Each structure stands twice: as C-alpha cells, then as structure tokens.
Amino acid sequence: MIWTARQADAGTVARLRANPEDIGAFISGMDVDPDLLDAPADVHNPAIPFDLDTQWQAIHHLLTGSAGAADGPLSIIVGKFEKIGRDQGFGPAWLIPAEAIALADAALSQLDDDDLRERYDANAMVKDNVYTAATLAEEGEGAIDFIIDDIDRLRSFLSEGANRGLAALAMIN
C-alpha cells in the first residue's frame, strides 16, 4: 500500500469532480513529462505526484498518535476528507482542501526533529497495527531517521501547497 498525493488548483479540482474517472491517472501523474518526474529538487514541484511509499501510516501515527483519521491539522495523510471517484485499490481518492494543507503546514512547522524523535514509539505503532510498524521496530531507533527524511519531504509538499493556495488529491493503492 502506497500513499500518493498530487496538488491541484481549484480549476483542476472542479474538472476532476466533473470527471472522477480521471482522478487515479491525475494523482499517478500519467499526464506528466517523464523527465520532470526524474528531476531532482530541493522543494516539491506541485506539478508532479508526491508519495510517502509504504511508510505513510507510520508517519501519520508519529504526527497524530493514531493509525486512523484523527482530529487536528496533522491528520493530513489519513483524514476526514471528501471522497471522490471510484475505488483506487484501497478505497476512493480524497480531496485535501487548500485550507487543510495550510493548517497542516503551520502545525508541522512547529515540530522540529527533536520533537519528532520524542514522539517516535515503534512499539505503539506495532500495537496499533500500523502498516510497516514491525519492520520499523526491527530496525530499532535508527528507523526514525528514515521517517524524518520523509517528513522533511512532506514539509516541502505542504509548504509549497500552502504558499500557492493548492488543494491535494490523495489515494492509497
């Protein structure tokens, strides 16, 4: 299971609501120039898809203390969002509103790496049946470095979206 999202402006969101059969292809980036997908970047390029691979739920748990949707702005990976379109493998895609992107960006900017290290509890993740938690627990304390790298990418994704007033469409497949 891989969590993937792609940022979208209001016009793109309206187009995808009207044509929900196109959502999976949009989020996957099937319309993106392949050279753009391989281009390295220090900041997220909103034109391309963003994924947290299989560790998406571990990151969500670290941010919220929950395996599922939670209250608060950090419940951005798994949240209480509008579902759109057909099943993409593990349910339909969902719309993360621009306001939620901005709130998550502000909340995540308040947490530094030390805060994240303090929150990290692989055993709690295993207890809560978080996807890939057993692997993270086997890795030991070094696994947090891997997660923090992905959170840094998430910071960039949220920051770019917030700065541009973009929503995002996300799915698990």
N, C-alpha and C. Protein backbone atom coordinates (compact mmCIF):
# COMPACT_ATOMS: atom_id res chain seq x y z
N MET A 1 0.84 -1.18 0.00
CA MET A 1 0.00 0.00 0.00
C MET A 1 0.89 1.24 0.00
N ILE A 2 0.65 2.09 -0.97
CA ILE A 2 1.43 3.32 -1.11
C ILE A 2 0.48 4.51 -1.11
N TRP A 3 0.81 5.53 -0.30
CA TRP A 3 0.04 6.77 -0.23
C TRP A 3 0.65 7.73 -1.24
N THR A 4 -0.19 8.23 -2.14
CA THR A 4 0.26 9.17 -3.16
C THR A 4 -0.70 10.35 -3.19
N ALA A 5 -0.16 11.53 -3.38
CA ALA A 5 -0.99 12.74 -3.49
C ALA A 5 -0.43 13.62 -4.59
N ARG A 6 -1.28 14.48 -5.08
CA ARG A 6 -0.85 15.46 -6.07
C ARG A 6 -1.62 16.75 -5.84
N GLN A 7 -0.91 17.84 -5.85
CA GLN A 7 -1.53 19.13 -5.61
C GLN A 7 -2.34 19.58 -6.82
N ALA A 8 -3.39 20.37 -6.52
CA ALA A 8 -4.28 20.81 -7.59
C ALA A 8 -4.88 22.17 -7.25
N ASP A 9 -5.02 23.00 -8.28
CA ASP A 9 -5.69 24.28 -8.09
C ASP A 9 -7.20 24.06 -8.18
N ALA A 10 -7.97 25.10 -7.90
CA ALA A 10 -9.43 25.00 -7.86
C ALA A 10 -10.00 24.53 -9.19
N GLY A 11 -9.43 24.99 -10.31
CA GLY A 11 -9.92 24.58 -11.62
C GLY A 11 -9.71 23.09 -11.86
N THR A 12 -8.57 22.57 -11.46
CA THR A 12 -8.29 21.14 -11.62
C THR A 12 -9.21 20.32 -10.73
N VAL A 13 -9.43 20.78 -9.51
CA VAL A 13 -10.34 20.07 -8.60
C VAL A 13 -11.74 20.02 -9.22
N ALA A 14 -12.22 21.13 -9.76
CA ALA A 14 -13.54 21.16 -10.39
C ALA A 14 -13.60 20.20 -11.58
N ARG A 15 -12.55 20.19 -12.39
CA ARG A 15 -12.51 19.29 -13.55
C ARG A 15 -12.56 17.83 -13.10
N LEU A 16 -11.82 17.49 -12.05
CA LEU A 16 -11.79 16.11 -11.58
C LEU A 16 -13.08 15.71 -10.88
N ARG A 17 -13.72 16.64 -10.23
CA ARG A 17 -15.05 16.34 -9.65
C ARG A 17 -16.04 16.02 -10.77
N ALA A 18 -15.94 16.74 -11.87
CA ALA A 18 -16.84 16.51 -13.01
C ALA A 18 -16.48 15.25 -13.77
N ASN A 19 -15.21 14.82 -13.68
CA ASN A 19 -14.73 13.63 -14.39
C ASN A 19 -13.95 12.74 -13.42
N PRO A 20 -14.64 12.16 -12.43
CA PRO A 20 -13.94 11.41 -11.39
C PRO A 20 -13.17 10.19 -11.91
N GLU A 21 -13.51 9.73 -13.09
CA GLU A 21 -12.78 8.59 -13.66
C GLU A 21 -11.32 8.96 -13.99
N ASP A 22 -11.00 10.25 -14.02
CA ASP A 22 -9.64 10.71 -14.33
C ASP A 22 -8.75 10.89 -13.09
N ILE A 23 -9.32 10.73 -11.91
CA ILE A 23 -8.59 11.04 -10.69
C ILE A 23 -7.36 10.16 -10.50
N GLY A 24 -7.50 8.86 -10.67
CA GLY A 24 -6.36 7.96 -10.48
C GLY A 24 -5.20 8.30 -11.39
N ALA A 25 -5.49 8.56 -12.64
CA ALA A 25 -4.44 8.93 -13.60
C ALA A 25 -3.81 10.27 -13.23
N PHE A 26 -4.63 11.22 -12.76
CA PHE A 26 -4.09 12.52 -12.35
C PHE A 26 -3.13 12.35 -11.17
N ILE A 27 -3.59 11.67 -10.12
CA ILE A 27 -2.75 11.52 -8.93
C ILE A 27 -1.47 10.77 -9.27
N SER A 28 -1.56 9.78 -10.12
CA SER A 28 -0.38 8.98 -10.50
C SER A 28 0.58 9.74 -11.42
N GLY A 29 0.11 10.84 -11.99
CA GLY A 29 0.98 11.65 -12.85
C GLY A 29 1.12 11.13 -14.26
N MET A 30 0.10 10.42 -14.74
CA MET A 30 0.18 9.87 -16.08
C MET A 30 0.24 10.95 -17.16
N ASP A 31 -0.08 12.19 -16.79
CA ASP A 31 -0.05 13.29 -17.74
C ASP A 31 1.24 14.11 -17.65
N VAL A 32 2.17 13.68 -16.81
CA VAL A 32 3.38 14.45 -16.55
C VAL A 32 4.53 13.97 -17.44
N ASP A 33 5.31 14.92 -17.94
CA ASP A 33 6.51 14.61 -18.72
C ASP A 33 7.43 13.75 -17.86
N PRO A 34 7.83 12.55 -18.34
CA PRO A 34 8.69 11.66 -17.55
C PRO A 34 10.00 12.30 -17.10
N ASP A 35 10.55 13.22 -17.89
CA ASP A 35 11.79 13.89 -17.49
C ASP A 35 11.56 14.74 -16.24
N LEU A 36 10.38 15.29 -16.09
CA LEU A 36 10.05 16.09 -14.92
C LEU A 36 9.99 15.22 -13.67
N LEU A 37 9.51 13.99 -13.82
CA LEU A 37 9.41 13.07 -12.70
C LEU A 37 10.78 12.70 -12.14
N ASP A 38 11.80 12.66 -12.98
CA ASP A 38 13.13 12.26 -12.55
C ASP A 38 14.01 13.43 -12.12
N ALA A 39 13.52 14.63 -12.27
CA ALA A 39 14.34 15.80 -11.95
C ALA A 39 14.49 15.96 -10.44
N PRO A 40 15.73 16.06 -9.94
CA PRO A 40 15.92 16.27 -8.50
C PRO A 40 15.48 17.69 -8.13
N ALA A 41 15.01 17.83 -6.91
CA ALA A 41 14.57 19.15 -6.46
C ALA A 41 14.72 19.25 -4.95
N ASP A 42 15.07 20.44 -4.49
CA ASP A 42 15.15 20.68 -3.05
C ASP A 42 13.77 20.98 -2.47
N VAL A 43 12.86 21.44 -3.32
CA VAL A 43 11.49 21.70 -2.89
C VAL A 43 10.55 20.90 -3.79
N HIS A 44 9.38 20.60 -3.26
CA HIS A 44 8.42 19.81 -4.03
C HIS A 44 7.92 20.61 -5.23
N ASN A 45 7.85 19.98 -6.36
CA ASN A 45 7.28 20.57 -7.56
C ASN A 45 5.79 20.19 -7.59
N PRO A 46 4.88 21.13 -7.45
CA PRO A 46 3.46 20.81 -7.40
C PRO A 46 2.92 20.14 -8.66
N ALA A 47 3.66 20.19 -9.74
CA ALA A 47 3.19 19.58 -10.98
C ALA A 47 3.31 18.06 -10.97
N ILE A 48 4.06 17.51 -10.03
CA ILE A 48 4.29 16.06 -10.03
C ILE A 48 3.69 15.41 -8.79
N PRO A 49 3.42 14.11 -8.88
CA PRO A 49 2.89 13.39 -7.71
C PRO A 49 3.91 13.34 -6.58
N PHE A 50 3.40 13.17 -5.38
CA PHE A 50 4.20 13.05 -4.16
C PHE A 50 3.76 11.78 -3.46
N ASP A 51 4.71 10.97 -3.02
CA ASP A 51 4.30 9.77 -2.28
C ASP A 51 5.14 9.60 -1.02
N LEU A 52 4.54 8.91 -0.08
CA LEU A 52 5.21 8.54 1.16
C LEU A 52 5.44 7.04 1.21
N ASP A 53 5.39 6.42 0.04
CA ASP A 53 5.65 5.00 -0.13
C ASP A 53 4.87 4.20 0.92
N THR A 54 5.46 3.15 1.45
CA THR A 54 4.74 2.28 2.37
C THR A 54 4.77 2.76 3.81
N GLN A 55 5.58 3.75 4.12
CA GLN A 55 5.68 4.23 5.50
C GLN A 55 4.69 5.34 5.83
N TRP A 56 3.72 5.58 4.95
CA TRP A 56 2.74 6.64 5.13
C TRP A 56 2.01 6.55 6.46
N GLN A 57 1.60 5.34 6.86
CA GLN A 57 0.83 5.21 8.08
C GLN A 57 1.71 5.41 9.32
N ALA A 58 2.97 5.02 9.24
CA ALA A 58 3.90 5.26 10.35
C ALA A 58 4.10 6.76 10.54
N ILE A 59 4.22 7.49 9.45
CA ILE A 59 4.37 8.95 9.53
C ILE A 59 3.10 9.56 10.13
N HIS A 60 1.94 9.09 9.66
CA HIS A 60 0.67 9.59 10.20
C HIS A 60 0.60 9.32 11.70
N HIS A 61 0.95 8.13 12.11
CA HIS A 61 0.91 7.76 13.53
C HIS A 61 1.86 8.64 14.34
N LEU A 62 3.04 8.87 13.82
CA LEU A 62 4.00 9.73 14.51
C LEU A 62 3.44 11.14 14.70
N LEU A 63 2.75 11.65 13.69
CA LEU A 63 2.21 13.01 13.76
C LEU A 63 0.95 13.12 14.62
N THR A 64 0.13 12.05 14.64
CA THR A 64 -1.18 12.16 15.29
C THR A 64 -1.36 11.24 16.50
N GLY A 65 -0.53 10.22 16.63
CA GLY A 65 -0.72 9.23 17.69
C GLY A 65 -1.81 8.23 17.39
N SER A 66 -2.27 8.20 16.14
CA SER A 66 -3.38 7.34 15.73
C SER A 66 -3.05 6.63 14.42
N ALA A 67 -3.59 5.42 14.26
CA ALA A 67 -3.43 4.71 12.99
C ALA A 67 -4.46 5.19 11.96
N GLY A 68 -5.56 5.75 12.43
CA GLY A 68 -6.62 6.21 11.53
C GLY A 68 -6.78 7.72 11.58
N ALA A 69 -7.85 8.17 10.96
CA ALA A 69 -8.14 9.60 10.93
C ALA A 69 -8.25 10.13 12.35
N ALA A 70 -7.69 11.30 12.57
CA ALA A 70 -7.68 11.91 13.90
C ALA A 70 -8.13 13.36 13.78
N ASP A 71 -8.46 13.94 14.90
CA ASP A 71 -8.77 15.36 14.92
C ASP A 71 -7.47 16.15 14.90
N GLY A 72 -7.53 17.33 14.37
CA GLY A 72 -6.36 18.21 14.36
C GLY A 72 -5.72 18.32 12.99
N PRO A 73 -4.95 19.38 12.80
CA PRO A 73 -4.39 19.67 11.48
C PRO A 73 -3.33 18.70 11.01
N LEU A 74 -2.71 17.93 11.90
CA LEU A 74 -1.67 16.99 11.46
C LEU A 74 -2.25 15.68 10.91
N SER A 75 -3.56 15.53 10.95
CA SER A 75 -4.20 14.36 10.35
C SER A 75 -4.41 14.63 8.86
N ILE A 76 -3.30 14.82 8.18
CA ILE A 76 -3.32 15.21 6.77
C ILE A 76 -3.13 14.01 5.84
N ILE A 77 -2.47 12.97 6.32
CA ILE A 77 -2.23 11.78 5.50
C ILE A 77 -3.47 10.91 5.50
N VAL A 78 -4.04 10.69 6.67
CA VAL A 78 -5.31 9.99 6.83
C VAL A 78 -6.21 10.96 7.56
N GLY A 79 -7.20 11.48 6.88
CA GLY A 79 -8.05 12.49 7.49
C GLY A 79 -9.51 12.26 7.16
N LYS A 80 -10.30 13.16 7.62
CA LYS A 80 -11.76 13.12 7.39
C LYS A 80 -12.06 14.05 6.22
N PHE A 81 -11.77 13.55 5.02
CA PHE A 81 -11.87 14.37 3.82
C PHE A 81 -12.93 13.82 2.86
N GLU A 82 -13.35 14.67 1.95
CA GLU A 82 -14.32 14.29 0.92
C GLU A 82 -13.73 13.23 0.00
N LYS A 83 -14.45 12.14 -0.15
CA LYS A 83 -14.04 11.07 -1.06
C LYS A 83 -14.59 11.37 -2.45
N ILE A 84 -13.76 11.11 -3.47
CA ILE A 84 -14.15 11.41 -4.84
C ILE A 84 -13.78 10.23 -5.74
N GLY A 85 -14.73 9.82 -6.56
CA GLY A 85 -14.43 8.82 -7.60
C GLY A 85 -14.52 7.38 -7.12
N ARG A 86 -14.00 6.52 -7.99
CA ARG A 86 -14.10 5.07 -7.77
C ARG A 86 -12.96 4.59 -6.87
N ASP A 87 -13.04 3.33 -6.50
CA ASP A 87 -12.02 2.69 -5.69
C ASP A 87 -10.69 2.70 -6.44
N GLN A 88 -9.64 3.15 -5.79
CA GLN A 88 -8.31 3.23 -6.40
C GLN A 88 -7.40 2.09 -5.93
N GLY A 89 -7.98 1.11 -5.26
CA GLY A 89 -7.20 -0.02 -4.74
C GLY A 89 -7.52 -0.26 -3.28
N PHE A 90 -7.56 0.82 -2.50
CA PHE A 90 -7.91 0.75 -1.09
C PHE A 90 -8.92 1.86 -0.78
N GLY A 91 -9.93 1.95 -1.61
CA GLY A 91 -10.95 2.97 -1.46
C GLY A 91 -10.78 4.08 -2.48
N PRO A 92 -11.75 5.00 -2.50
CA PRO A 92 -11.66 6.12 -3.45
C PRO A 92 -10.60 7.13 -3.04
N ALA A 93 -10.24 7.99 -3.96
CA ALA A 93 -9.34 9.10 -3.67
C ALA A 93 -10.09 10.08 -2.78
N TRP A 94 -9.36 10.99 -2.17
CA TRP A 94 -10.00 12.01 -1.36
C TRP A 94 -9.34 13.36 -1.62
N LEU A 95 -10.14 14.39 -1.36
CA LEU A 95 -9.71 15.77 -1.56
C LEU A 95 -9.26 16.36 -0.23
N ILE A 96 -8.01 16.83 -0.20
CA ILE A 96 -7.49 17.55 0.97
C ILE A 96 -7.59 19.03 0.61
N PRO A 97 -8.51 19.76 1.22
CA PRO A 97 -8.71 21.17 0.85
C PRO A 97 -7.47 22.02 1.09
N ALA A 98 -7.37 23.10 0.35
CA ALA A 98 -6.24 24.02 0.50
C ALA A 98 -6.12 24.52 1.94
N GLU A 99 -7.23 24.73 2.60
CA GLU A 99 -7.20 25.19 3.99
C GLU A 99 -6.54 24.16 4.89
N ALA A 100 -6.82 22.88 4.65
CA ALA A 100 -6.21 21.81 5.45
C ALA A 100 -4.71 21.71 5.19
N ILE A 101 -4.32 21.93 3.93
CA ILE A 101 -2.89 21.94 3.59
C ILE A 101 -2.19 23.06 4.37
N ALA A 102 -2.78 24.24 4.38
CA ALA A 102 -2.18 25.39 5.08
C ALA A 102 -2.11 25.15 6.59
N LEU A 103 -3.17 24.59 7.17
CA LEU A 103 -3.16 24.32 8.61
C LEU A 103 -2.13 23.25 8.97
N ALA A 104 -2.02 22.23 8.14
CA ALA A 104 -1.03 21.17 8.39
C ALA A 104 0.38 21.73 8.27
N ASP A 105 0.60 22.59 7.28
CA ASP A 105 1.91 23.22 7.11
C ASP A 105 2.28 24.02 8.36
N ALA A 106 1.35 24.81 8.85
CA ALA A 106 1.61 25.62 10.05
C ALA A 106 1.88 24.74 11.27
N ALA A 107 1.09 23.69 11.44
CA ALA A 107 1.27 22.80 12.60
C ALA A 107 2.58 22.04 12.52
N LEU A 108 2.92 21.52 11.34
CA LEU A 108 4.16 20.75 11.19
C LEU A 108 5.38 21.65 11.34
N SER A 109 5.25 22.91 10.98
CA SER A 109 6.39 23.83 11.13
C SER A 109 6.73 24.08 12.60
N GLN A 110 5.81 23.75 13.49
CA GLN A 110 6.04 23.92 14.92
C GLN A 110 6.82 22.74 15.53
N LEU A 111 6.99 21.67 14.76
CA LEU A 111 7.69 20.47 15.25
C LEU A 111 9.07 20.38 14.61
N ASP A 112 10.10 20.27 15.42
CA ASP A 112 11.43 20.06 14.86
C ASP A 112 11.79 18.57 14.99
N ASP A 113 12.96 18.22 14.51
CA ASP A 113 13.38 16.81 14.51
C ASP A 113 13.42 16.24 15.93
N ASP A 114 13.83 17.03 16.90
CA ASP A 114 13.86 16.55 18.29
C ASP A 114 12.46 16.22 18.79
N ASP A 115 11.49 17.05 18.44
CA ASP A 115 10.10 16.78 18.80
C ASP A 115 9.64 15.45 18.19
N LEU A 116 9.99 15.24 16.93
CA LEU A 116 9.59 14.01 16.25
C LEU A 116 10.26 12.80 16.89
N ARG A 117 11.52 12.92 17.24
CA ARG A 117 12.22 11.81 17.90
C ARG A 117 11.56 11.47 19.24
N GLU A 118 11.12 12.49 19.98
CA GLU A 118 10.44 12.25 21.25
C GLU A 118 9.10 11.54 21.06
N ARG A 119 8.42 11.82 19.97
CA ARG A 119 7.12 11.21 19.69
C ARG A 119 7.25 9.77 19.19
N TYR A 120 8.39 9.43 18.64
CA TYR A 120 8.55 8.13 17.97
C TYR A 120 8.45 6.97 18.96
N ASP A 121 7.55 6.04 18.68
CA ASP A 121 7.37 4.86 19.50
C ASP A 121 6.95 3.70 18.60
N ALA A 122 7.94 2.96 18.13
CA ALA A 122 7.66 1.84 17.21
C ALA A 122 6.77 0.79 17.86
N ASN A 123 6.93 0.57 19.15
CA ASN A 123 6.10 -0.43 19.83
C ASN A 123 4.63 -0.02 19.84
N ALA A 124 4.36 1.26 20.03
CA ALA A 124 2.97 1.74 19.97
C ALA A 124 2.42 1.55 18.56
N MET A 125 3.26 1.75 17.56
CA MET A 125 2.82 1.55 16.18
C MET A 125 2.48 0.08 15.94
N VAL A 126 3.30 -0.82 16.46
CA VAL A 126 3.03 -2.25 16.32
C VAL A 126 1.71 -2.57 17.00
N LYS A 127 1.52 -2.07 18.21
CA LYS A 127 0.28 -2.31 18.97
C LYS A 127 -0.94 -1.82 18.21
N ASP A 128 -0.80 -0.68 17.52
CA ASP A 128 -1.91 -0.09 16.77
C ASP A 128 -2.04 -0.65 15.35
N ASN A 129 -1.27 -1.70 15.03
CA ASN A 129 -1.31 -2.36 13.71
C ASN A 129 -1.01 -1.41 12.57
N VAL A 130 -0.05 -0.54 12.76
CA VAL A 130 0.36 0.39 11.71
C VAL A 130 1.12 -0.37 10.63
N TYR A 131 0.76 -0.09 9.40
CA TYR A 131 1.41 -0.73 8.25
C TYR A 131 2.92 -0.46 8.31
N THR A 132 3.73 -1.46 8.16
CA THR A 132 5.20 -1.47 8.20
C THR A 132 5.79 -1.25 9.60
N ALA A 133 4.97 -1.21 10.65
CA ALA A 133 5.49 -0.96 12.00
C ALA A 133 6.44 -2.06 12.46
N ALA A 134 6.15 -3.31 12.13
CA ALA A 134 7.03 -4.40 12.56
C ALA A 134 8.43 -4.23 11.98
N THR A 135 8.49 -3.82 10.73
CA THR A 135 9.79 -3.59 10.09
C THR A 135 10.52 -2.43 10.78
N LEU A 136 9.81 -1.37 11.08
CA LEU A 136 10.43 -0.23 11.76
C LEU A 136 10.93 -0.64 13.15
N ALA A 137 10.16 -1.44 13.85
CA ALA A 137 10.57 -1.90 15.18
C ALA A 137 11.85 -2.75 15.09
N GLU A 138 11.94 -3.58 14.06
CA GLU A 138 13.13 -4.40 13.85
C GLU A 138 14.36 -3.54 13.56
N GLU A 139 14.15 -2.43 12.88
CA GLU A 139 15.25 -1.52 12.54
C GLU A 139 15.82 -0.83 13.78
N GLY A 140 15.02 -0.73 14.84
CA GLY A 140 15.48 -0.06 16.05
C GLY A 140 15.33 1.45 15.94
N GLU A 141 16.05 2.14 16.80
CA GLU A 141 15.93 3.60 16.87
C GLU A 141 16.37 4.30 15.58
N GLY A 142 17.19 3.67 14.77
CA GLY A 142 17.63 4.27 13.52
C GLY A 142 16.50 4.48 12.52
N ALA A 143 15.39 3.78 12.70
CA ALA A 143 14.27 3.91 11.77
C ALA A 143 13.69 5.33 11.77
N ILE A 144 13.82 6.02 12.88
CA ILE A 144 13.27 7.39 12.94
C ILE A 144 13.96 8.30 11.93
N ASP A 145 15.23 8.07 11.65
CA ASP A 145 15.93 8.90 10.66
C ASP A 145 15.29 8.77 9.29
N PHE A 146 14.91 7.56 8.93
CA PHE A 146 14.24 7.29 7.66
C PHE A 146 12.90 8.03 7.62
N ILE A 147 12.15 7.98 8.72
CA ILE A 147 10.85 8.65 8.79
C ILE A 147 11.02 10.16 8.73
N ILE A 148 12.02 10.68 9.43
CA ILE A 148 12.24 12.14 9.41
C ILE A 148 12.59 12.62 8.01
N ASP A 149 13.33 11.82 7.26
CA ASP A 149 13.61 12.20 5.87
C ASP A 149 12.31 12.37 5.08
N ASP A 150 11.37 11.45 5.29
CA ASP A 150 10.09 11.55 4.60
C ASP A 150 9.26 12.71 5.13
N ILE A 151 9.35 12.99 6.41
CA ILE A 151 8.63 14.14 6.96
C ILE A 151 9.20 15.44 6.39
N ASP A 152 10.50 15.48 6.17
CA ASP A 152 11.08 16.67 5.52
C ASP A 152 10.49 16.86 4.11
N ARG A 153 10.30 15.75 3.40
CA ARG A 153 9.67 15.84 2.07
C ARG A 153 8.22 16.28 2.21
N LEU A 154 7.53 15.77 3.24
CA LEU A 154 6.15 16.18 3.50
C LEU A 154 6.09 17.67 3.83
N ARG A 155 7.05 18.16 4.60
CA ARG A 155 7.11 19.59 4.90
C ARG A 155 7.16 20.41 3.60
N SER A 156 8.00 19.99 2.67
CA SER A 156 8.14 20.69 1.41
C SER A 156 6.83 20.65 0.61
N PHE A 157 6.21 19.49 0.57
CA PHE A 157 4.93 19.31 -0.12
C PHE A 157 3.88 20.27 0.47
N LEU A 158 3.76 20.27 1.79
CA LEU A 158 2.76 21.13 2.45
C LEU A 158 3.09 22.61 2.28
N SER A 159 4.35 22.96 2.41
CA SER A 159 4.77 24.35 2.29
C SER A 159 4.48 24.90 0.90
N GLU A 160 4.85 24.14 -0.12
CA GLU A 160 4.58 24.59 -1.49
C GLU A 160 3.08 24.72 -1.74
N GLY A 161 2.31 23.76 -1.25
CA GLY A 161 0.86 23.83 -1.41
C GLY A 161 0.27 25.02 -0.68
N ALA A 162 0.71 25.24 0.55
CA ALA A 162 0.20 26.37 1.33
C ALA A 162 0.57 27.70 0.68
N ASN A 163 1.80 27.82 0.22
CA ASN A 163 2.25 29.06 -0.42
C ASN A 163 1.49 29.37 -1.70
N ARG A 164 1.04 28.35 -2.38
CA ARG A 164 0.34 28.53 -3.66
C ARG A 164 -1.18 28.43 -3.53
N GLY A 165 -1.67 28.14 -2.32
CA GLY A 165 -3.11 28.01 -2.12
C GLY A 165 -3.70 26.79 -2.80
N LEU A 166 -2.94 25.70 -2.85
CA LEU A 166 -3.37 24.50 -3.55
C LEU A 166 -4.01 23.48 -2.63
N ALA A 167 -4.98 22.77 -3.15
CA ALA A 167 -5.54 21.59 -2.50
C ALA A 167 -4.68 20.40 -2.93
N ALA A 168 -5.05 19.21 -2.50
CA ALA A 168 -4.38 18.00 -2.97
C ALA A 168 -5.40 16.89 -3.08
N LEU A 169 -5.17 16.00 -4.01
CA LEU A 169 -5.95 14.77 -4.12
C LEU A 169 -5.01 13.64 -3.74
N ALA A 170 -5.51 12.71 -2.93
CA ALA A 170 -4.67 11.63 -2.42
C ALA A 170 -5.38 10.29 -2.57
N MET A 171 -4.57 9.24 -2.57
CA MET A 171 -5.12 7.88 -2.63
C MET A 171 -4.11 6.90 -2.06
N ILE A 172 -4.60 5.74 -1.73
CA ILE A 172 -3.74 4.62 -1.35
C ILE A 172 -3.99 3.54 -2.38
N ASN A 173 -2.91 3.06 -2.95
CA ASN A 173 -3.06 1.97 -3.92
C ASN A 173 -1.92 0.99 -3.80
